[in-house]
Structure formats: C-alpha cells, structure tokens
N, C-alpha and C. Protein backbone atom coordinates (compact mmCIF):
# COMPACT_ATOMS: atom_id res chain seq x y z
N UNK A 1 109.18 32.30 45.87
CA UNK A 1 110.30 32.90 46.69
C UNK A 1 111.41 33.20 45.69
N UNK A 2 112.08 34.47 45.90
CA UNK A 2 113.25 34.76 44.98
C UNK A 2 114.54 34.90 46.00
N UNK A 3 115.61 34.51 45.42
CA UNK A 3 116.89 34.52 45.92
C UNK A 3 117.17 36.18 46.24
N UNK A 4 118.14 36.41 47.34
CA UNK A 4 118.79 37.63 47.39
C UNK A 4 119.93 37.68 46.18
N UNK A 5 119.91 38.79 45.55
CA UNK A 5 120.86 38.96 44.55
C UNK A 5 121.76 40.24 44.79
N UNK A 6 122.94 40.41 44.14
CA UNK A 6 123.58 41.59 44.15
C UNK A 6 122.99 42.65 43.37
N UNK A 7 122.96 43.81 43.73
CA UNK A 7 122.45 44.87 42.94
C UNK A 7 123.34 45.02 41.70
N UNK A 8 122.83 45.36 40.62
CA UNK A 8 123.49 45.56 39.34
C UNK A 8 124.18 44.52 38.74
N UNK A 9 123.76 43.13 39.21
CA UNK A 9 124.43 41.96 38.61
C UNK A 9 123.67 41.33 37.60
N UNK A 10 124.36 40.40 36.82
CA UNK A 10 123.47 39.81 35.91
C UNK A 10 122.24 38.99 36.59
N UNK A 11 122.52 38.61 37.80
CA UNK A 11 121.64 37.79 38.42
C UNK A 11 120.36 38.46 38.83
N UNK A 12 120.64 39.80 39.17
CA UNK A 12 119.56 40.83 39.46
C UNK A 12 118.84 41.22 38.43
N UNK A 13 119.39 41.41 37.19
CA UNK A 13 118.75 41.60 36.07
C UNK A 13 117.78 40.35 35.38
N UNK A 14 118.43 39.28 35.56
CA UNK A 14 117.45 38.05 35.42
C UNK A 14 116.36 37.96 36.29
N UNK A 15 116.56 38.05 37.62
CA UNK A 15 115.44 37.93 38.49
C UNK A 15 114.44 39.21 38.24
N UNK A 16 114.72 40.33 37.86
CA UNK A 16 113.69 41.39 37.40
C UNK A 16 112.98 40.95 36.13
N UNK A 17 113.77 40.30 35.38
CA UNK A 17 112.99 39.87 34.30
C UNK A 17 111.93 38.86 34.51
N UNK A 18 112.32 37.87 35.12
CA UNK A 18 111.40 36.86 35.76
C UNK A 18 110.04 37.41 36.56
N UNK A 19 110.32 38.54 37.45
CA UNK A 19 109.32 39.28 38.04
C UNK A 19 108.43 39.98 37.06
N UNK A 20 109.05 40.71 36.20
CA UNK A 20 108.27 41.38 35.11
C UNK A 20 107.33 40.53 34.15
N UNK A 21 107.78 39.39 34.23
CA UNK A 21 107.03 38.28 33.31
C UNK A 21 106.01 37.70 34.33
N UNK A 22 105.80 37.86 35.32
CA UNK A 22 104.78 37.33 36.28
C UNK A 22 105.37 36.47 37.21
N UNK A 23 106.88 36.29 37.48
CA UNK A 23 107.36 35.49 38.81
C UNK A 23 107.68 34.14 38.15
N UNK A 24 108.44 33.50 38.86
CA UNK A 24 109.01 32.18 38.52
C UNK A 24 108.12 31.33 38.14
N UNK A 25 106.93 31.30 38.83
CA UNK A 25 105.81 29.98 38.66
C UNK A 25 105.46 30.40 37.10
N UNK A 26 105.04 31.56 36.94
CA UNK A 26 104.57 31.83 35.60
C UNK A 26 105.65 31.59 34.46
N UNK A 27 106.90 32.03 34.61
CA UNK A 27 107.61 31.70 33.71
C UNK A 27 108.26 30.46 33.50
N UNK A 28 108.31 29.63 34.70
CA UNK A 28 108.46 28.07 34.79
C UNK A 28 107.43 27.40 33.61
N UNK A 29 106.04 27.75 33.97
CA UNK A 29 105.11 27.30 32.97
C UNK A 29 105.26 27.58 31.62
N UNK A 30 105.45 28.77 31.23
CA UNK A 30 105.75 29.40 30.00
C UNK A 30 106.90 28.77 29.26
N UNK A 31 107.99 28.63 29.86
CA UNK A 31 109.07 28.14 29.34
C UNK A 31 109.31 26.50 29.42
N UNK A 32 108.51 26.02 30.28
CA UNK A 32 108.50 24.47 30.08
C UNK A 32 109.73 23.96 31.02
N UNK A 33 110.40 24.70 32.04
CA UNK A 33 111.33 24.23 32.81
C UNK A 33 111.08 24.44 34.27
N UNK A 34 111.50 23.74 35.07
CA UNK A 34 111.34 23.69 36.39
C UNK A 34 111.57 25.09 37.11
N UNK A 35 110.87 25.47 38.34
CA UNK A 35 110.94 26.64 39.19
C UNK A 35 112.23 26.48 39.78
N UNK A 36 112.76 25.38 40.26
CA UNK A 36 113.97 25.40 40.71
C UNK A 36 115.27 25.54 39.70
N UNK A 37 114.94 25.40 38.49
CA UNK A 37 115.92 25.52 37.35
C UNK A 37 116.02 27.05 37.28
N UNK A 38 114.94 27.83 37.25
CA UNK A 38 115.03 29.29 36.97
C UNK A 38 115.64 29.92 38.13
N UNK A 39 115.25 29.44 39.50
CA UNK A 39 115.70 29.94 40.56
C UNK A 39 117.29 29.73 40.73
N UNK A 40 117.72 28.59 40.26
CA UNK A 40 118.92 28.40 40.24
C UNK A 40 119.88 29.35 39.28
N UNK A 41 119.17 29.68 38.29
CA UNK A 41 119.97 30.61 37.38
C UNK A 41 120.21 32.01 37.95
N UNK A 42 119.55 32.47 39.12
CA UNK A 42 119.71 33.61 39.66
C UNK A 42 120.72 33.52 40.86
N UNK A 43 121.24 32.22 41.26
CA UNK A 43 122.17 32.14 42.35
C UNK A 43 123.40 32.92 42.03
N UNK A 44 124.02 33.52 43.13
CA UNK A 44 125.30 33.96 42.84
C UNK A 44 126.33 32.94 43.29
N UNK A 45 127.14 32.37 42.28
CA UNK A 45 128.03 31.54 42.69
C UNK A 45 129.54 31.57 41.79
N UNK A 46 130.51 31.34 42.61
CA UNK A 46 131.93 31.39 41.79
C UNK A 46 132.10 30.48 40.81
N UNK A 47 131.24 29.33 40.69
CA UNK A 47 131.38 28.17 39.82
C UNK A 47 130.56 28.73 38.55
N UNK A 48 129.77 29.55 38.49
CA UNK A 48 128.76 29.94 37.33
C UNK A 48 128.56 31.43 37.48
N UNK A 49 129.82 32.36 37.56
CA UNK A 49 129.53 33.83 37.76
C UNK A 49 128.63 34.49 36.96
N UNK A 50 128.45 34.09 35.64
CA UNK A 50 127.45 34.85 34.88
C UNK A 50 126.07 34.34 35.15
N UNK A 51 125.87 33.40 35.90
CA UNK A 51 124.50 32.71 35.86
C UNK A 51 124.04 31.96 34.79
N UNK A 52 123.06 30.93 35.13
CA UNK A 52 122.35 30.17 34.04
C UNK A 52 121.20 30.81 33.34
N UNK A 53 120.43 31.87 34.16
CA UNK A 53 119.27 32.30 33.85
C UNK A 53 119.26 33.09 32.35
N UNK A 54 120.42 33.55 32.13
CA UNK A 54 120.21 34.31 30.90
C UNK A 54 120.00 33.50 29.61
N UNK A 55 120.15 32.03 29.79
CA UNK A 55 119.69 31.15 28.84
C UNK A 55 118.48 31.14 28.35
N UNK A 56 117.48 31.53 29.26
CA UNK A 56 116.13 31.41 29.00
C UNK A 56 115.49 32.77 28.72
N UNK A 57 116.17 33.98 28.58
CA UNK A 57 115.76 35.40 28.59
C UNK A 57 115.24 35.53 27.17
N UNK A 58 115.96 34.94 26.31
CA UNK A 58 115.46 35.19 24.79
C UNK A 58 114.40 34.49 24.71
N UNK A 59 114.17 33.33 24.94
CA UNK A 59 112.82 32.73 24.78
C UNK A 59 111.65 33.43 25.40
N UNK A 60 112.10 33.68 26.74
CA UNK A 60 110.82 34.30 27.47
C UNK A 60 110.69 35.65 26.82
N UNK A 61 111.46 36.39 26.13
CA UNK A 61 111.26 37.69 25.53
C UNK A 61 110.46 37.47 24.32
N UNK A 62 110.46 36.34 23.52
CA UNK A 62 109.61 35.94 22.44
C UNK A 62 108.34 35.67 22.61
N UNK A 63 107.79 35.22 23.79
CA UNK A 63 106.66 34.58 24.02
C UNK A 63 105.64 35.77 23.90
N UNK A 64 104.52 35.61 23.29
CA UNK A 64 103.56 36.56 22.95
C UNK A 64 102.34 36.19 23.72
N UNK A 65 101.59 37.10 24.61
CA UNK A 65 100.36 36.61 25.17
C UNK A 65 99.30 36.31 24.35
N UNK A 66 98.59 35.35 24.63
CA UNK A 66 97.40 34.82 23.85
C UNK A 66 96.29 35.93 24.00
C-alpha cells in the first residue's frame, strides 16, 4: 500500500523510485529496513517537510541486480 502524495513533491519522487524498484516490500528487503520506515519517508508532514525517504535513494540506486 502506498501513501497519497502531492504531485511534484519530494515525497512523490521517493514513492515513484520505490515503485520503479519493485515496490516497498522489495526495497525494504534490498535495503534492510522495515516497510513502515520506507513508507514513513513518503509521508507529507510539517515536522519533516523534505521527507526521510531520500536518505535511502542513493543506496537503492547503487544496488545491482544479481
């Protein structure tokens, strides 16, 4: 399940990257973090307007398929 995100927001970009890499479940397994942690990174919140999810995109982009 994915969160509703604002179009053209950092959260929508992070969410799109997760979908392109196979979804939250696949990304969670590849990155070694929980699904809820990744999902939380796409939440739109005033406390964390940039989102947490960008912290994982570099590592996700460096993974090479076996």
